[in-house]
Amino acid sequence: MTLKDEILVDITAIKSPNLLNQIYEFIQLVKKNSAVSEVGNRDEVLSLAGLLSDADAEEIIATINNEFNNIEGEW
């Protein structure tokens, strides 16, 4: 039996309309997310290019390095 067959058997056994609705909503979310990942978001990411100045970027990098690259206490 394939995984798809096993899933169908499990879903067929569910009697609760509430639970079936939750499963349906989850499947729709997965479908939506998989469609986005197949298309990608290159254009959306590139639309942000140039919005951050070099000075701001350097400040963000310095803040991250100062706040998160040090271990406090004993390890």
PDB file of N, CA and C in Angstrom:
ATOM      1  N   MET A   1       0.850  -1.172   0.000  1.00  0.00           N
ATOM      2  CA  MET A   1       0.000   0.000   0.000  1.00  0.00           C
ATOM      3  C   MET A   1       0.901   1.243   0.000  1.00  0.00           C
ATOM      4  N   THR A   2       0.597   2.194  -0.867  1.00  0.00           N
ATOM      5  CA  THR A   2       1.392   3.418  -0.935  1.00  0.00           C
ATOM      6  C   THR A   2       1.017   4.354   0.207  1.00  0.00           C
ATOM      7  N   LEU A   3       1.838   5.339   0.418  1.00  0.00           N
ATOM      8  CA  LEU A   3       1.566   6.323   1.459  1.00  0.00           C
ATOM      9  C   LEU A   3       0.254   7.046   1.172  1.00  0.00           C
ATOM     10  N   LYS A   4       0.032   7.375  -0.092  1.00  0.00           N
ATOM     11  CA  LYS A   4      -1.218   8.039  -0.475  1.00  0.00           C
ATOM     12  C   LYS A   4      -2.420   7.158  -0.135  1.00  0.00           C
ATOM     13  N   ASP A   5      -2.316   5.863  -0.411  1.00  0.00           N
ATOM     14  CA  ASP A   5      -3.404   4.932  -0.083  1.00  0.00           C
ATOM     15  C   ASP A   5      -3.655   4.889   1.418  1.00  0.00           C
ATOM     16  N   GLU A   6      -2.591   4.872   2.193  1.00  0.00           N
ATOM     17  CA  GLU A   6      -2.730   4.833   3.647  1.00  0.00           C
ATOM     18  C   GLU A   6      -3.404   6.101   4.163  1.00  0.00           C
ATOM     19  N   ILE A   7      -3.025   7.235   3.594  1.00  0.00           N
ATOM     20  CA  ILE A   7      -3.649   8.498   3.995  1.00  0.00           C
ATOM     21  C   ILE A   7      -5.139   8.482   3.659  1.00  0.00           C
ATOM     22  N   LEU A   8      -5.473   8.005   2.475  1.00  0.00           N
ATOM     23  CA  LEU A   8      -6.881   7.935   2.077  1.00  0.00           C
ATOM     24  C   LEU A   8      -7.682   7.020   2.990  1.00  0.00           C
ATOM     25  N   VAL A   9      -7.096   5.899   3.383  1.00  0.00           N
ATOM     26  CA  VAL A   9      -7.777   4.980   4.303  1.00  0.00           C
ATOM     27  C   VAL A   9      -8.029   5.679   5.635  1.00  0.00           C
ATOM     28  N   ASP A  10      -7.007   6.379   6.133  1.00  0.00           N
ATOM     29  CA  ASP A  10      -7.161   7.089   7.411  1.00  0.00           C
ATOM     30  C   ASP A  10      -8.222   8.173   7.320  1.00  0.00           C
ATOM     31  N   ILE A  11      -8.206   8.939   6.238  1.00  0.00           N
ATOM     32  CA  ILE A  11      -9.178  10.019   6.087  1.00  0.00           C
ATOM     33  C   ILE A  11     -10.592   9.456   5.940  1.00  0.00           C
ATOM     34  N   THR A  12     -10.726   8.372   5.212  1.00  0.00           N
ATOM     35  CA  THR A  12     -12.035   7.744   5.021  1.00  0.00           C
ATOM     36  C   THR A  12     -12.615   7.271   6.353  1.00  0.00           C
ATOM     37  N   ALA A  13     -11.767   6.878   7.281  1.00  0.00           N
ATOM     38  CA  ALA A  13     -12.227   6.376   8.574  1.00  0.00           C
ATOM     39  C   ALA A  13     -12.670   7.490   9.516  1.00  0.00           C
ATOM     40  N   ILE A  14     -12.323   8.727   9.220  1.00  0.00           N
ATOM     41  CA  ILE A  14     -12.672   9.845  10.095  1.00  0.00           C
ATOM     42  C   ILE A  14     -14.143  10.203   9.908  1.00  0.00           C
ATOM     43  N   LYS A  15     -14.865  10.271  11.006  1.00  0.00           N
ATOM     44  CA  LYS A  15     -16.302  10.573  10.978  1.00  0.00           C
ATOM     45  C   LYS A  15     -16.601  12.017  11.379  1.00  0.00           C
ATOM     46  N   SER A  16     -15.688  12.654  12.056  1.00  0.00           N
ATOM     47  CA  SER A  16     -15.925  14.003  12.576  1.00  0.00           C
ATOM     48  C   SER A  16     -15.811  15.055  11.467  1.00  0.00           C
ATOM     49  N   PRO A  17     -16.913  15.756  11.176  1.00  0.00           N
ATOM     50  CA  PRO A  17     -16.841  16.834  10.182  1.00  0.00           C
ATOM     51  C   PRO A  17     -15.875  17.943  10.592  1.00  0.00           C
ATOM     52  N   ASN A  18     -15.778  18.173  11.888  1.00  0.00           N
ATOM     53  CA  ASN A  18     -14.853  19.181  12.404  1.00  0.00           C
ATOM     54  C   ASN A  18     -13.404  18.820  12.070  1.00  0.00           C
ATOM     55  N   LEU A  19     -13.045  17.586  12.338  1.00  0.00           N
ATOM     56  CA  LEU A  19     -11.691  17.117  12.057  1.00  0.00           C
ATOM     57  C   LEU A  19     -11.420  17.095  10.561  1.00  0.00           C
ATOM     58  N   LEU A  20     -12.402  16.686   9.777  1.00  0.00           N
ATOM     59  CA  LEU A  20     -12.232  16.674   8.326  1.00  0.00           C
ATOM     60  C   LEU A  20     -12.031  18.101   7.795  1.00  0.00           C
ATOM     61  N   ASN A  21     -12.733  19.056   8.380  1.00  0.00           N
ATOM     62  CA  ASN A  21     -12.562  20.448   7.987  1.00  0.00           C
ATOM     63  C   ASN A  21     -11.153  20.936   8.307  1.00  0.00           C
ATOM     64  N   GLN A  22     -10.622  20.571   9.467  1.00  0.00           N
ATOM     65  CA  GLN A  22      -9.255  20.951   9.839  1.00  0.00           C
ATOM     66  C   GLN A  22      -8.244  20.342   8.873  1.00  0.00           C
ATOM     67  N   ILE A  23      -8.458  19.091   8.510  1.00  0.00           N
ATOM     68  CA  ILE A  23      -7.564  18.420   7.562  1.00  0.00           C
ATOM     69  C   ILE A  23      -7.631  19.106   6.205  1.00  0.00           C
ATOM     70  N   TYR A  24      -8.837  19.447   5.782  1.00  0.00           N
ATOM     71  CA  TYR A  24      -9.021  20.142   4.507  1.00  0.00           C
ATOM     72  C   TYR A  24      -8.276  21.482   4.507  1.00  0.00           C
ATOM     73  N   GLU A  25      -8.435  22.264   5.574  1.00  0.00           N
ATOM     74  CA  GLU A  25      -7.749  23.552   5.671  1.00  0.00           C
ATOM     75  C   GLU A  25      -6.236  23.380   5.652  1.00  0.00           C
ATOM     76  N   PHE A  26      -5.746  22.347   6.329  1.00  0.00           N
ATOM     77  CA  PHE A  26      -4.311  22.075   6.337  1.00  0.00           C
ATOM     78  C   PHE A  26      -3.824  21.735   4.929  1.00  0.00           C
ATOM     79  N   ILE A  27      -4.560  20.907   4.226  1.00  0.00           N
ATOM     80  CA  ILE A  27      -4.183  20.520   2.863  1.00  0.00           C
ATOM     81  C   ILE A  27      -4.155  21.753   1.955  1.00  0.00           C
ATOM     82  N   GLN A  28      -5.140  22.642   2.109  1.00  0.00           N
ATOM     83  CA  GLN A  28      -5.162  23.859   1.288  1.00  0.00           C
ATOM     84  C   GLN A  28      -3.945  24.731   1.579  1.00  0.00           C
ATOM     85  N   LEU A  29      -3.561  24.826   2.835  1.00  0.00           N
ATOM     86  CA  LEU A  29      -2.383  25.598   3.220  1.00  0.00           C
ATOM     87  C   LEU A  29      -1.115  24.991   2.621  1.00  0.00           C
ATOM     88  N   VAL A  30      -1.005  23.666   2.683  1.00  0.00           N
ATOM     89  CA  VAL A  30       0.161  22.988   2.113  1.00  0.00           C
ATOM     90  C   VAL A  30       0.219  23.214   0.605  1.00  0.00           C
ATOM     91  N   LYS A  31      -0.924  23.114  -0.057  1.00  0.00           N
ATOM     92  CA  LYS A  31      -0.966  23.341  -1.503  1.00  0.00           C
ATOM     93  C   LYS A  31      -0.536  24.760  -1.846  1.00  0.00           C
ATOM     94  N   LYS A  32      -1.036  25.721  -1.081  1.00  0.00           N
ATOM     95  CA  LYS A  32      -0.688  27.119  -1.324  1.00  0.00           C
ATOM     96  C   LYS A  32       0.807  27.343  -1.131  1.00  0.00           C
ATOM     97  N   ASN A  33       1.364  26.804  -0.058  1.00  0.00           N
ATOM     98  CA  ASN A  33       2.782  26.976   0.228  1.00  0.00           C
ATOM     99  C   ASN A  33       3.657  26.272  -0.799  1.00  0.00           C
ATOM    100  N   SER A  34       3.235  25.122  -1.280  1.00  0.00           N
ATOM    101  CA  SER A  34       4.044  24.415  -2.269  1.00  0.00           C
ATOM    102  C   SER A  34       4.018  25.151  -3.598  1.00  0.00           C
ATOM    103  N   ALA A  35       2.892  25.793  -3.923  1.00  0.00           N
ATOM    104  CA  ALA A  35       2.811  26.574  -5.161  1.00  0.00           C
ATOM    105  C   ALA A  35       3.742  27.776  -5.083  1.00  0.00           C
ATOM    106  N   VAL A  36       3.828  28.406  -3.927  1.00  0.00           N
ATOM    107  CA  VAL A  36       4.715  29.553  -3.749  1.00  0.00           C
ATOM    108  C   VAL A  36       6.168  29.111  -3.871  1.00  0.00           C
ATOM    109  N   SER A  37       6.524  27.984  -3.266  1.00  0.00           N
ATOM    110  CA  SER A  37       7.917  27.539  -3.313  1.00  0.00           C
ATOM    111  C   SER A  37       8.326  27.118  -4.717  1.00  0.00           C
ATOM    112  N   GLU A  38       7.382  26.625  -5.524  1.00  0.00           N
ATOM    113  CA  GLU A  38       7.702  26.251  -6.891  1.00  0.00           C
ATOM    114  C   GLU A  38       7.953  27.490  -7.745  1.00  0.00           C
ATOM    115  N   VAL A  39       7.189  28.538  -7.519  1.00  0.00           N
ATOM    116  CA  VAL A  39       7.337  29.774  -8.280  1.00  0.00           C
ATOM    117  C   VAL A  39       8.527  30.561  -7.756  1.00  0.00           C
ATOM    118  N   GLY A  40       8.728  30.551  -6.470  1.00  0.00           N
ATOM    119  CA  GLY A  40       9.808  31.302  -5.850  1.00  0.00           C
ATOM    120  C   GLY A  40       9.368  32.718  -5.532  1.00  0.00           C
ATOM    121  N   ASN A  41      10.239  33.424  -4.882  1.00  0.00           N
ATOM    122  CA  ASN A  41       9.927  34.804  -4.516  1.00  0.00           C
ATOM    123  C   ASN A  41      11.045  35.748  -4.950  1.00  0.00           C
ATOM    124  N   ARG A  42      11.717  35.388  -6.025  1.00  0.00           N
ATOM    125  CA  ARG A  42      12.847  36.173  -6.522  1.00  0.00           C
ATOM    126  C   ARG A  42      12.457  37.623  -6.752  1.00  0.00           C
ATOM    127  N   ASP A  43      11.354  37.856  -7.451  1.00  0.00           N
ATOM    128  CA  ASP A  43      10.938  39.222  -7.765  1.00  0.00           C
ATOM    129  C   ASP A  43      10.628  40.024  -6.505  1.00  0.00           C
ATOM    130  N   GLU A  44       9.987  39.385  -5.528  1.00  0.00           N
ATOM    131  CA  GLU A  44       9.672  40.072  -4.279  1.00  0.00           C
ATOM    132  C   GLU A  44      10.947  40.452  -3.542  1.00  0.00           C
ATOM    133  N   VAL A  45      11.915  39.551  -3.515  1.00  0.00           N
ATOM    134  CA  VAL A  45      13.178  39.834  -2.830  1.00  0.00           C
ATOM    135  C   VAL A  45      13.925  40.951  -3.559  1.00  0.00           C
ATOM    136  N   LEU A  46      13.993  40.873  -4.884  1.00  0.00           N
ATOM    137  CA  LEU A  46      14.700  41.899  -5.646  1.00  0.00           C
ATOM    138  C   LEU A  46      14.036  43.263  -5.542  1.00  0.00           C
ATOM    139  N   SER A  47      12.736  43.298  -5.273  1.00  0.00           N
ATOM    140  CA  SER A  47      12.058  44.586  -5.124  1.00  0.00           C
ATOM    141  C   SER A  47      12.568  45.345  -3.902  1.00  0.00           C
ATOM    142  N   LEU A  48      13.217  44.650  -2.971  1.00  0.00           N
ATOM    143  CA  LEU A  48      13.754  45.281  -1.766  1.00  0.00           C
ATOM    144  C   LEU A  48      15.188  45.773  -1.951  1.00  0.00           C
ATOM    145  N   ALA A  49      15.803  45.442  -3.074  1.00  0.00           N
ATOM    146  CA  ALA A  49      17.195  45.822  -3.328  1.00  0.00           C
ATOM    147  C   ALA A  49      17.341  47.339  -3.302  1.00  0.00           C
ATOM    148  N   GLY A  50      18.361  47.788  -2.589  1.00  0.00           N
ATOM    149  CA  GLY A  50      18.669  49.212  -2.547  1.00  0.00           C
ATOM    150  C   GLY A  50      17.892  50.008  -1.519  1.00  0.00           C
ATOM    151  N   LEU A  51      16.991  49.385  -0.797  1.00  0.00           N
ATOM    152  CA  LEU A  51      16.206  50.120   0.197  1.00  0.00           C
ATOM    153  C   LEU A  51      16.991  50.414   1.470  1.00  0.00           C
ATOM    154  N   LEU A  52      18.035  49.645   1.703  1.00  0.00           N
ATOM    155  CA  LEU A  52      18.837  49.798   2.913  1.00  0.00           C
ATOM    156  C   LEU A  52      20.170  50.433   2.533  1.00  0.00           C
ATOM    157  N   SER A  53      20.504  51.527   3.188  1.00  0.00           N
ATOM    158  CA  SER A  53      21.778  52.191   2.880  1.00  0.00           C
ATOM    159  C   SER A  53      22.936  51.354   3.413  1.00  0.00           C
ATOM    160  N   ASP A  54      24.126  51.599   2.878  1.00  0.00           N
ATOM    161  CA  ASP A  54      25.311  50.885   3.342  1.00  0.00           C
ATOM    162  C   ASP A  54      25.563  51.157   4.818  1.00  0.00           C
ATOM    163  N   ALA A  55      25.349  52.397   5.248  1.00  0.00           N
ATOM    164  CA  ALA A  55      25.561  52.753   6.657  1.00  0.00           C
ATOM    165  C   ALA A  55      24.591  51.988   7.557  1.00  0.00           C
ATOM    166  N   ASP A  56      23.332  51.911   7.143  1.00  0.00           N
ATOM    167  CA  ASP A  56      22.352  51.165   7.929  1.00  0.00           C
ATOM    168  C   ASP A  56      22.706  49.682   7.984  1.00  0.00           C
ATOM    169  N   ALA A  57      23.132  49.141   6.863  1.00  0.00           N
ATOM    170  CA  ALA A  57      23.512  47.725   6.817  1.00  0.00           C
ATOM    171  C   ALA A  57      24.684  47.459   7.747  1.00  0.00           C
ATOM    172  N   GLU A  58      25.676  48.337   7.734  1.00  0.00           N
ATOM    173  CA  GLU A  58      26.837  48.170   8.623  1.00  0.00           C
ATOM    174  C   GLU A  58      26.423  48.244  10.086  1.00  0.00           C
ATOM    175  N   GLU A  59      25.503  49.138  10.395  1.00  0.00           N
ATOM    176  CA  GLU A  59      25.017  49.261  11.774  1.00  0.00           C
ATOM    177  C   GLU A  59      24.286  47.995  12.207  1.00  0.00           C
ATOM    178  N   ILE A  60      23.477  47.436  11.338  1.00  0.00           N
ATOM    179  CA  ILE A  60      22.764  46.192  11.651  1.00  0.00           C
ATOM    180  C   ILE A  60      23.747  45.054  11.868  1.00  0.00           C
ATOM    181  N   ILE A  61      24.737  44.941  10.998  1.00  0.00           N
ATOM    182  CA  ILE A  61      25.755  43.891  11.133  1.00  0.00           C
ATOM    183  C   ILE A  61      26.505  44.044  12.445  1.00  0.00           C
ATOM    184  N   ALA A  62      26.893  45.280  12.781  1.00  0.00           N
ATOM    185  CA  ALA A  62      27.626  45.520  14.032  1.00  0.00           C
ATOM    186  C   ALA A  62      26.763  45.161  15.235  1.00  0.00           C
ATOM    187  N   THR A  63      25.502  45.521  15.212  1.00  0.00           N
ATOM    188  CA  THR A  63      24.592  45.209  16.323  1.00  0.00           C
ATOM    189  C   THR A  63      24.437  43.705  16.487  1.00  0.00           C
ATOM    190  N   ILE A  64      24.247  42.998  15.392  1.00  0.00           N
ATOM    191  CA  ILE A  64      24.122  41.531  15.456  1.00  0.00           C
ATOM    192  C   ILE A  64      25.388  40.917  16.023  1.00  0.00           C
ATOM    193  N   ASN A  65      26.538  41.371  15.535  1.00  0.00           N
ATOM    194  CA  ASN A  65      27.807  40.825  16.028  1.00  0.00           C
ATOM    195  C   ASN A  65      28.000  41.114  17.511  1.00  0.00           C
ATOM    196  N   ASN A  66      27.653  42.322  17.949  1.00  0.00           N
ATOM    197  CA  ASN A  66      27.833  42.692  19.357  1.00  0.00           C
ATOM    198  C   ASN A  66      26.877  41.949  20.275  1.00  0.00           C
ATOM    199  N   GLU A  67      25.659  41.738  19.820  1.00  0.00           N
ATOM    200  CA  GLU A  67      24.636  41.150  20.680  1.00  0.00           C
ATOM    201  C   GLU A  67      24.596  39.623  20.655  1.00  0.00           C
ATOM    202  N   PHE A  68      24.980  39.027  19.530  1.00  0.00           N
ATOM    203  CA  PHE A  68      24.756  37.590  19.386  1.00  0.00           C
ATOM    204  C   PHE A  68      26.005  36.743  19.159  1.00  0.00           C
ATOM    205  N   ASN A  69      27.165  37.358  19.029  1.00  0.00           N
ATOM    206  CA  ASN A  69      28.370  36.580  18.794  1.00  0.00           C
ATOM    207  C   ASN A  69      29.201  36.386  20.063  1.00  0.00           C
ATOM    208  N   ASN A  70      28.639  36.694  21.197  1.00  0.00           N
ATOM    209  CA  ASN A  70      29.344  36.518  22.465  1.00  0.00           C
ATOM    210  C   ASN A  70      28.563  35.565  23.361  1.00  0.00           C
ATOM    211  N   ILE A  71      29.270  34.684  23.997  1.00  0.00           N
ATOM    212  CA  ILE A  71      28.642  33.744  24.921  1.00  0.00           C
ATOM    213  C   ILE A  71      28.821  34.276  26.333  1.00  0.00           C
ATOM    214  N   GLU A  72      27.722  34.436  27.043  1.00  0.00           N
ATOM    215  CA  GLU A  72      27.779  34.907  28.403  1.00  0.00           C
ATOM    216  C   GLU A  72      27.770  33.726  29.365  1.00  0.00           C
ATOM    217  N   GLY A  73      28.529  33.819  30.413  1.00  0.00           N
ATOM    218  CA  GLY A  73      28.559  32.780  31.415  1.00  0.00           C
ATOM    219  C   GLY A  73      29.432  31.603  30.973  1.00  0.00           C
ATOM    220  N   GLU A  74      29.407  30.557  31.774  1.00  0.00           N
ATOM    221  CA  GLU A  74      30.236  29.373  31.481  1.00  0.00           C
ATOM    222  C   GLU A  74      29.502  28.405  30.586  1.00  0.00           C
ATOM    223  N   TRP A  75      30.268  27.744  29.684  1.00  0.00           N
ATOM    224  CA  TRP A  75      29.717  26.719  28.827  1.00  0.00           C
ATOM    225  C   TRP A  75      30.506  25.462  28.978  1.00  0.00           C
TER     226      TRP A  75
END
